[in-house]
PDB file of N, CA and C in Angstrom:
ATOM      1  N   MET A   1     128.878  72.482 -60.057  1.00  0.00           N
ATOM      2  CA  MET A   1     129.370  72.962 -59.017  1.00  0.00           C
ATOM      3  C   MET A   1     131.019  73.015 -59.781  1.00  0.00           C
ATOM      4  N   ILE A   2     131.581  74.069 -59.758  1.00  0.00           N
ATOM      5  CA  ILE A   2     132.908  74.152 -59.925  1.00  0.00           C
ATOM      6  C   ILE A   2     133.850  74.005 -58.105  1.00  0.00           C
ATOM      7  N   GLN A   3     134.843  73.111 -58.502  1.00  0.00           N
ATOM      8  CA  GLN A   3     135.358  73.000 -57.534  1.00  0.00           C
ATOM      9  C   GLN A   3     136.824  73.410 -57.560  1.00  0.00           C
ATOM     10  N   THR A   4     138.202  73.556 -56.409  1.00  0.00           N
ATOM     11  CA  THR A   4     139.001  73.690 -56.308  1.00  0.00           C
ATOM     12  C   THR A   4     139.515  73.913 -57.558  1.00  0.00           C
ATOM     13  N   GLU A   5     140.337  72.737 -57.600  1.00  0.00           N
ATOM     14  CA  GLU A   5     140.810  72.033 -58.901  1.00  0.00           C
ATOM     15  C   GLU A   5     140.527  73.152 -60.564  1.00  0.00           C
ATOM     16  N   ASP A   6     139.348  72.807 -60.394  1.00  0.00           N
ATOM     17  CA  ASP A   6     138.785  73.245 -61.626  1.00  0.00           C
ATOM     18  C   ASP A   6     138.847  75.023 -61.708  1.00  0.00           C
ATOM     19  N   ILE A   7     139.231  75.769 -60.949  1.00  0.00           N
ATOM     20  CA  ILE A   7     139.455  76.940 -61.017  1.00  0.00           C
ATOM     21  C   ILE A   7     140.818  77.512 -61.089  1.00  0.00           C
ATOM     22  N   ILE A   8     141.925  76.302 -60.350  1.00  0.00           N
ATOM     23  CA  ILE A   8     142.847  76.528 -60.857  1.00  0.00           C
ATOM     24  C   ILE A   8     143.046  75.351 -62.251  1.00  0.00           C
ATOM     25  N   LYS A   9     142.672  74.604 -62.812  1.00  0.00           N
ATOM     26  CA  LYS A   9     142.852  74.600 -64.240  1.00  0.00           C
ATOM     27  C   LYS A   9     142.252  75.692 -65.001  1.00  0.00           C
ATOM     28  N   ILE A  10     141.030  76.522 -64.974  1.00  0.00           N
ATOM     29  CA  ILE A  10     140.735  77.782 -65.947  1.00  0.00           C
ATOM     30  C   ILE A  10     141.581  78.436 -65.920  1.00  0.00           C
ATOM     31  N   ALA A  11     141.973  78.960 -64.405  1.00  0.00           N
ATOM     32  CA  ALA A  11     143.042  79.819 -64.366  1.00  0.00           C
ATOM     33  C   ALA A  11     144.058  80.074 -65.391  1.00  0.00           C
ATOM     34  N   SER A  12     144.687  78.621 -65.506  1.00  0.00           N
ATOM     35  CA  SER A  12     145.528  78.677 -67.015  1.00  0.00           C
ATOM     36  C   SER A  12     145.652  79.205 -67.996  1.00  0.00           C
ATOM     37  N   PHE A  13     144.256  79.039 -68.416  1.00  0.00           N
ATOM     38  CA  PHE A  13     143.926  79.537 -69.413  1.00  0.00           C
ATOM     39  C   PHE A  13     143.919  81.123 -69.653  1.00  0.00           C
ATOM     40  N   PHE A  14     143.971  81.692 -68.178  1.00  0.00           N
ATOM     41  CA  PHE A  14     143.970  83.413 -68.706  1.00  0.00           C
ATOM     42  C   PHE A  14     145.385  83.938 -68.188  1.00  0.00           C
ATOM     43  N   SER A  15     145.274  85.243 -69.194  1.00  0.00           N
ATOM     44  CA  SER A  15     146.466  86.350 -69.070  1.00  0.00           C
ATOM     45  C   SER A  15     146.209  88.115 -68.816  1.00  0.00           C
ATOM     46  N   ILE A  16     146.794  88.123 -67.554  1.00  0.00           N
ATOM     47  CA  ILE A  16     146.416  89.042 -67.071  1.00  0.00           C
ATOM     48  C   ILE A  16     146.673  90.244 -68.373  1.00  0.00           C
ATOM     49  N   ILE A  17     145.244  91.223 -68.191  1.00  0.00           N
ATOM     50  CA  ILE A  17     145.210  92.578 -69.220  1.00  0.00           C
ATOM     51  C   ILE A  17     145.578  93.735 -68.085  1.00  0.00           C
ATOM     52  N   ALA A  18     145.245  93.736 -67.043  1.00  0.00           N
ATOM     53  CA  ALA A  18     145.308  95.010 -66.608  1.00  0.00           C
ATOM     54  C   ALA A  18     144.743  94.253 -64.673  1.00  0.00           C
ATOM     55  N   HIS A  19     145.575  94.766 -63.783  1.00  0.00           N
ATOM     56  CA  HIS A  19     145.802  94.113 -62.140  1.00  0.00           C
ATOM     57  C   HIS A  19     145.654  95.257 -61.887  1.00  0.00           C
ATOM     58  N   THR A  20     144.539  95.919 -60.724  1.00  0.00           N
ATOM     59  CA  THR A  20     144.870  96.927 -59.439  1.00  0.00           C
ATOM     60  C   THR A  20     144.127  95.971 -58.450  1.00  0.00           C
ATOM     61  N   PRO A  21     144.701  96.338 -57.322  1.00  0.00           N
ATOM     62  CA  PRO A  21     144.182  95.994 -56.227  1.00  0.00           C
ATOM     63  C   PRO A  21     142.284  96.192 -56.183  1.00  0.00           C
ATOM     64  N   GLY A  22     141.829  94.705 -56.400  1.00  0.00           N
ATOM     65  CA  GLY A  22     140.539  94.654 -56.223  1.00  0.00           C
ATOM     66  C   GLY A  22     140.145  94.483 -57.103  1.00  0.00           C
ATOM     67  N   ARG A  23     140.825  94.917 -58.527  1.00  0.00           N
ATOM     68  CA  ARG A  23     140.278  94.294 -59.525  1.00  0.00           C
ATOM     69  C   ARG A  23     141.100  93.613 -60.694  1.00  0.00           C
ATOM     70  N   LEU A  24     140.853  92.766 -61.377  1.00  0.00           N
ATOM     71  CA  LEU A  24     141.423  91.929 -62.010  1.00  0.00           C
ATOM     72  C   LEU A  24     140.946  91.484 -63.518  1.00  0.00           C
ATOM     73  N   ARG A  25     141.459  92.091 -64.789  1.00  0.00           N
ATOM     74  CA  ARG A  25     140.945  91.380 -66.069  1.00  0.00           C
ATOM     75  C   ARG A  25     142.139  91.157 -67.010  1.00  0.00           C
ATOM     76  N   VAL A  26     141.182  89.704 -67.084  1.00  0.00           N
ATOM     77  CA  VAL A  26     142.331  88.436 -68.102  1.00  0.00           C
ATOM     78  C   VAL A  26     141.488  88.702 -69.343  1.00  0.00           C
ATOM     79  N   ARG A  27     142.481  87.777 -69.915  1.00  0.00           N
ATOM     80  CA  ARG A  27     142.260  87.432 -71.553  1.00  0.00           C
ATOM     81  C   ARG A  27     142.035  86.126 -71.552  1.00  0.00           C
ATOM     82  N   VAL A  28     141.252  85.713 -72.104  1.00  0.00           N
ATOM     83  CA  VAL A  28     140.950  84.377 -71.790  1.00  0.00           C
ATOM     84  C   VAL A  28     141.578  83.736 -73.106  1.00  0.00           C
ATOM     85  N   ASN A  29     141.948  82.576 -73.476  1.00  0.00           N
ATOM     86  CA  ASN A  29     142.594  81.556 -74.453  1.00  0.00           C
ATOM     87  C   ASN A  29     141.571  81.043 -74.871  1.00  0.00           C
ATOM     88  N   PRO A  30     140.994  81.260 -76.290  1.00  0.00           N
ATOM     89  CA  PRO A  30     140.003  80.254 -76.662  1.00  0.00           C
ATOM     90  C   PRO A  30     140.505  78.244 -76.804  1.00  0.00           C
ATOM     91  N   LYS A  31     141.287  78.364 -76.721  1.00  0.00           N
ATOM     92  CA  LYS A  31     141.171  76.994 -75.793  1.00  0.00           C
ATOM     93  C   LYS A  31     140.514  75.928 -74.556  1.00  0.00           C
ATOM     94  N   ILE A  32     140.352  77.352 -74.107  1.00  0.00           N
ATOM     95  CA  ILE A  32     139.665  77.139 -72.267  1.00  0.00           C
ATOM     96  C   ILE A  32     137.884  76.154 -72.662  1.00  0.00           C
ATOM     97  N   THR A  33     137.381  76.129 -74.276  1.00  0.00           N
ATOM     98  CA  THR A  33     136.405  75.808 -74.364  1.00  0.00           C
ATOM     99  C   THR A  33     136.635  74.349 -74.354  1.00  0.00           C
ATOM    100  N   GLN A  34     137.574  73.786 -75.099  1.00  0.00           N
ATOM    101  CA  GLN A  34     137.715  72.710 -74.476  1.00  0.00           C
ATOM    102  C   GLN A  34     138.648  72.086 -73.953  1.00  0.00           C
ATOM    103  N   ALA A  35     139.076  72.501 -73.287  1.00  0.00           N
ATOM    104  CA  ALA A  35     139.611  71.831 -71.733  1.00  0.00           C
ATOM    105  C   ALA A  35     138.370  72.092 -70.605  1.00  0.00           C
ATOM    106  N   SER A  36     137.218  72.765 -70.853  1.00  0.00           N
ATOM    107  CA  SER A  36     136.656  73.438 -69.381  1.00  0.00           C
ATOM    108  C   SER A  36     136.035  71.818 -68.640  1.00  0.00           C
ATOM    109  N   GLY A  37     135.592  70.953 -70.073  1.00  0.00           N
ATOM    110  CA  GLY A  37     134.347  69.873 -69.048  1.00  0.00           C
ATOM    111  C   GLY A  37     132.850  70.506 -69.062  1.00  0.00           C
ATOM    112  N   ASN A  38     132.859  69.849 -67.312  1.00  0.00           N
ATOM    113  CA  ASN A  38     131.705  70.020 -67.902  1.00  0.00           C
ATOM    114  C   ASN A  38     130.986  71.027 -66.792  1.00  0.00           C
ATOM    115  N   ILE A  39     132.066  72.675 -67.086  1.00  0.00           N
ATOM    116  CA  ILE A  39     132.480  73.843 -66.552  1.00  0.00           C
ATOM    117  C   ILE A  39     131.339  74.858 -67.160  1.00  0.00           C
ATOM    118  N   THR A  40     130.496  75.334 -66.622  1.00  0.00           N
ATOM    119  CA  THR A  40     129.511  76.179 -67.573  1.00  0.00           C
ATOM    120  C   THR A  40     130.303  77.560 -67.352  1.00  0.00           C
ATOM    121  N   LEU A  41     129.830  78.941 -67.798  1.00  0.00           N
ATOM    122  CA  LEU A  41     129.860  80.264 -67.783  1.00  0.00           C
ATOM    123  C   LEU A  41     129.289  80.702 -66.753  1.00  0.00           C
ATOM    124  N   SER A  42     128.003  79.877 -66.109  1.00  0.00           N
ATOM    125  CA  SER A  42     126.979  79.998 -65.301  1.00  0.00           C
ATOM    126  C   SER A  42     127.562  79.558 -63.595  1.00  0.00           C
ATOM    127  N   ASP A  43     128.286  78.296 -63.930  1.00  0.00           N
ATOM    128  CA  ASP A  43     129.662  78.256 -62.947  1.00  0.00           C
ATOM    129  C   ASP A  43     130.375  79.268 -62.373  1.00  0.00           C
ATOM    130  N   ILE A  44     130.708  80.015 -63.704  1.00  0.00           N
ATOM    131  CA  ILE A  44     131.993  80.946 -63.331  1.00  0.00           C
ATOM    132  C   ILE A  44     131.727  82.230 -62.712  1.00  0.00           C
ATOM    133  N   GLU A  45     130.308  82.491 -63.219  1.00  0.00           N
ATOM    134  CA  GLU A  45     129.613  83.731 -62.953  1.00  0.00           C
ATOM    135  C   GLU A  45     129.587  84.189 -61.255  1.00  0.00           C
ATOM    136  N   ASP A  46     128.419  82.186 -61.168  1.00  0.00           N
ATOM    137  CA  ASP A  46     128.331  81.936 -59.802  1.00  0.00           C
ATOM    138  C   ASP A  46     129.352  82.695 -58.633  1.00  0.00           C
ATOM    139  N   LEU A  47     130.450  82.143 -58.917  1.00  0.00           N
ATOM    140  CA  LEU A  47     132.039  82.107 -57.659  1.00  0.00           C
ATOM    141  C   LEU A  47     131.926  82.742 -56.395  1.00  0.00           C
ATOM    142  N   PRO A  48     131.727  84.667 -56.659  1.00  0.00           N
ATOM    143  CA  PRO A  48     130.986  85.670 -55.664  1.00  0.00           C
ATOM    144  C   PRO A  48     129.454  84.906 -54.802  1.00  0.00           C
ATOM    145  N   ASN A  49     129.171  84.342 -54.975  1.00  0.00           N
ATOM    146  CA  ASN A  49     127.786  83.560 -54.096  1.00  0.00           C
ATOM    147  C   ASN A  49     128.876  82.127 -53.604  1.00  0.00           C
ATOM    148  N   LYS A  50     130.118  81.645 -53.971  1.00  0.00           N
ATOM    149  CA  LYS A  50     129.987  80.493 -53.266  1.00  0.00           C
ATOM    150  C   LYS A  50     131.796  80.976 -52.678  1.00  0.00           C
ATOM    151  N   ILE A  51     132.303  81.969 -52.532  1.00  0.00           N
ATOM    152  CA  ILE A  51     133.537  81.829 -52.129  1.00  0.00           C
ATOM    153  C   ILE A  51     133.966  82.914 -51.710  1.00  0.00           C
ATOM    154  N   ASP A  52     133.918  83.646 -50.308  1.00  0.00           N
ATOM    155  CA  ASP A  52     134.248  84.742 -49.795  1.00  0.00           C
ATOM    156  C   ASP A  52     135.712  85.690 -50.770  1.00  0.00           C
ATOM    157  N   GLY A  53     134.842  87.226 -50.733  1.00  0.00           N
ATOM    158  CA  GLY A  53     136.289  87.993 -51.296  1.00  0.00           C
ATOM    159  C   GLY A  53     136.034  88.493 -52.382  1.00  0.00           C
ATOM    160  N   ILE A  54     135.696  87.621 -52.927  1.00  0.00           N
ATOM    161  CA  ILE A  54     135.145  87.412 -54.991  1.00  0.00           C
ATOM    162  C   ILE A  54     133.735  88.191 -54.908  1.00  0.00           C
ATOM    163  N   GLU A  55     133.665  89.489 -56.009  1.00  0.00           N
ATOM    164  CA  GLU A  55     132.481  90.143 -54.868  1.00  0.00           C
ATOM    165  C   GLU A  55     131.516  90.035 -56.983  1.00  0.00           C
ATOM    166  N   ASN A  56     132.439  90.374 -57.304  1.00  0.00           N
ATOM    167  CA  ASN A  56     131.936  90.138 -58.809  1.00  0.00           C
ATOM    168  C   ASN A  56     132.644  89.645 -59.782  1.00  0.00           C
ATOM    169  N   ILE A  57     131.888  88.795 -60.765  1.00  0.00           N
ATOM    170  CA  ILE A  57     132.611  88.660 -62.378  1.00  0.00           C
ATOM    171  C   ILE A  57     131.719  88.932 -63.245  1.00  0.00           C
ATOM    172  N   LYS A  58     132.286  89.514 -64.213  1.00  0.00           N
ATOM    173  CA  LYS A  58     131.713  90.093 -65.113  1.00  0.00           C
ATOM    174  C   LYS A  58     132.280  89.040 -66.683  1.00  0.00           C
ATOM    175  N   ILE A  59     131.695  88.019 -67.584  1.00  0.00           N
ATOM    176  CA  ILE A  59     132.505  87.630 -68.623  1.00  0.00           C
ATOM    177  C   ILE A  59     131.775  88.273 -69.866  1.00  0.00           C
ATOM    178  N   ASN A  60     133.010  88.966 -70.884  1.00  0.00           N
ATOM    179  CA  ASN A  60     132.481  89.803 -72.076  1.00  0.00           C
ATOM    180  C   ASN A  60     133.093  88.337 -73.051  1.00  0.00           C
ATOM    181  N   LYS A  61     131.629  87.626 -73.441  1.00  0.00           N
ATOM    182  CA  LYS A  61     132.426  86.799 -74.624  1.00  0.00           C
ATOM    183  C   LYS A  61     132.885  87.506 -76.049  1.00  0.00           C
ATOM    184  N   ILE A  62     132.158  88.488 -76.213  1.00  0.00           N
ATOM    185  CA  ILE A  62     133.052  88.488 -77.409  1.00  0.00           C
ATOM    186  C   ILE A  62     134.567  89.022 -77.633  1.00  0.00           C
ATOM    187  N   ILE A  63     135.187  89.626 -76.380  1.00  0.00           N
ATOM    188  CA  ILE A  63     136.310  90.086 -76.411  1.00  0.00           C
ATOM    189  C   ILE A  63     137.456  88.735 -75.363  1.00  0.00           C
ATOM    190  N   ALA A  64     136.147  87.903 -75.390  1.00  0.00           N
ATOM    191  CA  ALA A  64     136.979  86.932 -74.378  1.00  0.00           C
ATOM    192  C   ALA A  64     138.044  87.335 -73.493  1.00  0.00           C
ATOM    193  N   SER A  65     137.412  88.223 -72.277  1.00  0.00           N
ATOM    194  CA  SER A  65     137.986  88.728 -71.163  1.00  0.00           C
ATOM    195  C   SER A  65     137.443  88.422 -70.005  1.00  0.00           C
ATOM    196  N   VAL A  66     137.794  88.659 -69.155  1.00  0.00           N
ATOM    197  CA  VAL A  66     137.101  88.329 -67.833  1.00  0.00           C
ATOM    198  C   VAL A  66     137.196  89.148 -66.536  1.00  0.00           C
ATOM    199  N   THR A  67     137.052  89.954 -66.334  1.00  0.00           N
ATOM    200  CA  THR A  67     136.291  91.235 -65.232  1.00  0.00           C
ATOM    201  C   THR A  67     136.334  90.694 -63.998  1.00  0.00           C
ATOM    202  N   ILE A  68     137.678  90.723 -62.969  1.00  0.00           N
ATOM    203  CA  ILE A  68     136.905  90.020 -60.829  1.00  0.00           C
ATOM    204  C   ILE A  68     137.124  90.664 -60.430  1.00  0.00           C
ATOM    205  N   HIS A  69     135.973  91.652 -59.543  1.00  0.00           N
ATOM    206  CA  HIS A  69     136.104  92.454 -58.665  1.00  0.00           C
ATOM    207  C   HIS A  69     136.491  91.682 -57.251  1.00  0.00           C
ATOM    208  N   TYR A  70     137.258  92.369 -56.397  1.00  0.00           N
ATOM    209  CA  TYR A  70     137.798  91.322 -55.183  1.00  0.00           C
ATOM    210  C   TYR A  70     138.334  92.095 -54.410  1.00  0.00           C
ATOM    211  N   ASN A  71     137.687  91.798 -53.188  1.00  0.00           N
ATOM    212  CA  ASN A  71     138.581  92.066 -52.194  1.00  0.00           C
ATOM    213  C   ASN A  71     139.978  92.074 -51.417  1.00  0.00           C
ATOM    214  N   PRO A  72     140.812  92.900 -51.646  1.00  0.00           N
ATOM    215  CA  PRO A  72     141.913  92.549 -51.443  1.00  0.00           C
ATOM    216  C   PRO A  72     142.710  92.593 -49.945  1.00  0.00           C
ATOM    217  N   ASP A  73     141.893  92.984 -49.405  1.00  0.00           N
ATOM    218  CA  ASP A  73     142.168  92.483 -48.082  1.00  0.00           C
ATOM    219  C   ASP A  73     142.137  91.322 -48.171  1.00  0.00           C
ATOM    220  N   ILE A  74     141.010  90.549 -48.707  1.00  0.00           N
ATOM    221  CA  ILE A  74     140.588  88.688 -48.610  1.00  0.00           C
ATOM    222  C   ILE A  74     141.906  88.082 -49.464  1.00  0.00           C
ATOM    223  N   PHE A  75     141.795  88.392 -50.484  1.00  0.00           N
ATOM    224  CA  PHE A  75     142.775  88.009 -51.656  1.00  0.00           C
ATOM    225  C   PHE A  75     143.571  88.709 -51.789  1.00  0.00           C
ATOM    226  N   GLU A  76     144.787  88.429 -51.487  1.00  0.00           N
ATOM    227  CA  GLU A  76     146.596  89.656 -51.587  1.00  0.00           C
ATOM    228  C   GLU A  76     145.548  90.017 -53.405  1.00  0.00           C
ATOM    229  N   PRO A  77     146.616  90.746 -54.222  1.00  0.00           N
ATOM    230  CA  PRO A  77     146.809  91.319 -55.928  1.00  0.00           C
ATOM    231  C   PRO A  77     147.760  89.617 -55.989  1.00  0.00           C
ATOM    232  N   LYS A  78     148.961  90.061 -55.268  1.00  0.00           N
ATOM    233  CA  LYS A  78     150.066  88.909 -55.855  1.00  0.00           C
ATOM    234  C   LYS A  78     149.797  87.642 -55.520  1.00  0.00           C
ATOM    235  N   LEU A  79     148.137  86.725 -55.010  1.00  0.00           N
ATOM    236  CA  LEU A  79     147.884  85.905 -55.255  1.00  0.00           C
ATOM    237  C   LEU A  79     146.862  85.288 -56.595  1.00  0.00           C
ATOM    238  N   TRP A  80     146.380  86.833 -56.887  1.00  0.00           N
ATOM    239  CA  TRP A  80     145.560  86.756 -58.143  1.00  0.00           C
ATOM    240  C   TRP A  80     146.765  86.098 -59.478  1.00  0.00           C
ATOM    241  N   GLU A  81     147.639  86.612 -59.283  1.00  0.00           N
ATOM    242  CA  GLU A  81     148.945  86.966 -60.059  1.00  0.00           C
ATOM    243  C   GLU A  81     149.026  85.201 -60.042  1.00  0.00           C
ATOM    244  N   ASP A  82     149.990  85.191 -58.553  1.00  0.00           N
ATOM    245  CA  ASP A  82     150.511  83.839 -58.729  1.00  0.00           C
ATOM    246  C   ASP A  82     149.051  82.401 -59.411  1.00  0.00           C
ATOM    247  N   LEU A  83     147.886  83.017 -58.797  1.00  0.00           N
ATOM    248  CA  LEU A  83     147.115  81.691 -59.787  1.00  0.00           C
ATOM    249  C   LEU A  83     147.067  81.268 -61.276  1.00  0.00           C
ATOM    250  N   VAL A  84     147.001  82.934 -62.038  1.00  0.00           N
ATOM    251  CA  VAL A  84     147.435  82.599 -63.404  1.00  0.00           C
ATOM    252  C   VAL A  84     148.861  81.963 -64.062  1.00  0.00           C
ATOM    253  N   LYS A  85     149.935  82.432 -63.064  1.00  0.00           N
ATOM    254  CA  LYS A  85     151.038  82.289 -63.392  1.00  0.00           C
ATOM    255  C   LYS A  85     151.211  80.855 -62.911  1.00  0.00           C
ATOM    256  N   ASN A  86     150.191  79.872 -62.426  1.00  0.00           N
ATOM    257  CA  ASN A  86     150.751  79.105 -61.478  1.00  0.00           C
ATOM    258  C   ASN A  86     151.571  78.687 -60.619  1.00  0.00           C
ATOM    259  N   GLU A  87     151.297  79.663 -59.946  1.00  0.00           N
ATOM    260  CA  GLU A  87     152.649  79.739 -58.719  1.00  0.00           C
ATOM    261  C   GLU A  87     151.884  79.862 -57.444  1.00  0.00           C
ATOM    262  N   ASN A  88     152.554  78.718 -56.926  1.00  0.00           N
ATOM    263  CA  ASN A  88     151.410  78.397 -54.716  1.00  0.00           C
ATOM    264  C   ASN A  88     150.926  78.432 -54.984  1.00  0.00           C
ATOM    265  N   ILE A  89     150.604  77.315 -55.954  1.00  0.00           N
ATOM    266  CA  ILE A  89     149.289  77.085 -55.849  1.00  0.00           C
ATOM    267  C   ILE A  89     148.515  76.117 -54.617  1.00  0.00           C
ATOM    268  N   GLU A  90     149.217  75.581 -53.720  1.00  0.00           N
ATOM    269  CA  GLU A  90     148.851  74.786 -52.545  1.00  0.00           C
ATOM    270  C   GLU A  90     148.810  75.845 -51.640  1.00  0.00           C
ATOM    271  N   GLU A  91     148.999  76.998 -51.762  1.00  0.00           N
ATOM    272  CA  GLU A  91     148.746  78.295 -50.571  1.00  0.00           C
ATOM    273  C   GLU A  91     147.272  78.725 -51.387  1.00  0.00           C
ATOM    274  N   LEU A  92     147.369  78.353 -52.653  1.00  0.00           N
ATOM    275  CA  LEU A  92     145.745  79.031 -53.323  1.00  0.00           C
ATOM    276  C   LEU A  92     144.474  78.394 -52.709  1.00  0.00           C
ATOM    277  N   SER A  93     145.072  76.623 -52.956  1.00  0.00           N
ATOM    278  CA  SER A  93     143.762  75.902 -52.600  1.00  0.00           C
ATOM    279  C   SER A  93     143.764  76.336 -51.412  1.00  0.00           C
ATOM    280  N   ILE A  94     144.358  76.011 -50.719  1.00  0.00           N
ATOM    281  CA  ILE A  94     144.275  76.225 -48.528  1.00  0.00           C
ATOM    282  C   ILE A  94     143.561  77.545 -48.628  1.00  0.00           C
ATOM    283  N   LEU A  95     143.837  78.824 -49.141  1.00  0.00           N
ATOM    284  CA  LEU A  95     142.972  79.526 -49.295  1.00  0.00           C
ATOM    285  C   LEU A  95     141.481  79.526 -49.719  1.00  0.00           C
ATOM    286  N   ILE A  96     141.247  79.174 -51.160  1.00  0.00           N
ATOM    287  CA  ILE A  96     140.428  78.926 -51.394  1.00  0.00           C
ATOM    288  C   ILE A  96     139.093  77.865 -50.501  1.00  0.00           C
ATOM    289  N   ASN A  97     139.822  77.022 -50.205  1.00  0.00           N
ATOM    290  CA  ASN A  97     138.944  76.308 -49.328  1.00  0.00           C
ATOM    291  C   ASN A  97     138.301  77.025 -48.226  1.00  0.00           C
ATOM    292  N   LYS A  98     139.138  77.298 -47.672  1.00  0.00           N
ATOM    293  CA  LYS A  98     139.020  78.512 -46.467  1.00  0.00           C
ATOM    294  C   LYS A  98     137.703  79.289 -45.894  1.00  0.00           C
ATOM    295  N   LEU A  99     137.985  79.842 -47.736  1.00  0.00           N
ATOM    296  CA  LEU A  99     137.306  80.814 -48.179  1.00  0.00           C
ATOM    297  C   LEU A  99     135.911  80.133 -48.360  1.00  0.00           C
ATOM    298  N   ALA A 100     135.379  78.720 -48.628  1.00  0.00           N
ATOM    299  CA  ALA A 100     134.429  79.007 -49.400  1.00  0.00           C
ATOM    300  C   ALA A 100     133.473  78.624 -48.223  1.00  0.00           C
ATOM    301  N   LYS A 101     132.044  79.003 -49.310  1.00  0.00           N
ATOM    302  CA  LYS A 101     131.309  79.628 -49.076  1.00  0.00           C
ATOM    303  C   LYS A 101     130.021  77.752 -48.306  1.00  0.00           C
ATOM    304  N   GLU A 102     130.487  76.991 -49.230  1.00  0.00           N
ATOM    305  CA  GLU A 102     129.733  75.699 -49.300  1.00  0.00           C
ATOM    306  C   GLU A 102     130.682  75.122 -49.645  1.00  0.00           C
ATOM    307  N   VAL A 103     130.807  73.322 -50.071  1.00  0.00           N
ATOM    308  CA  VAL A 103     132.117  72.610 -49.872  1.00  0.00           C
ATOM    309  C   VAL A 103     131.894  72.699 -51.335  1.00  0.00           C
ATOM    310  N   ILE A 104     133.300  73.240 -51.609  1.00  0.00           N
ATOM    311  CA  ILE A 104     133.829  73.105 -53.654  1.00  0.00           C
ATOM    312  C   ILE A 104     134.671  72.172 -53.593  1.00  0.00           C
TER     313      ILE A 104
END
């Protein structure tokens, strides 16, 4: 099971390629495989089932990118940018825990 701290850790390996409200596309640093611990691709792809507001996650392993479709009324676009920049983490943690569909 993926936890809030894991989401923040994973996001530190992202850099934004394109971002419009409701859709975020990020490049993934290959070093993520060394630091991800026991987090699997399935854990990441399953996040829409665990957190309200995340609608879909698509992982493209060939070009090392992740596309996240989300509800911008629930997750403000700036919060995603903060997550990737590792800013306002406390606010993000509170929001993620509030929106969790199960204890994470």
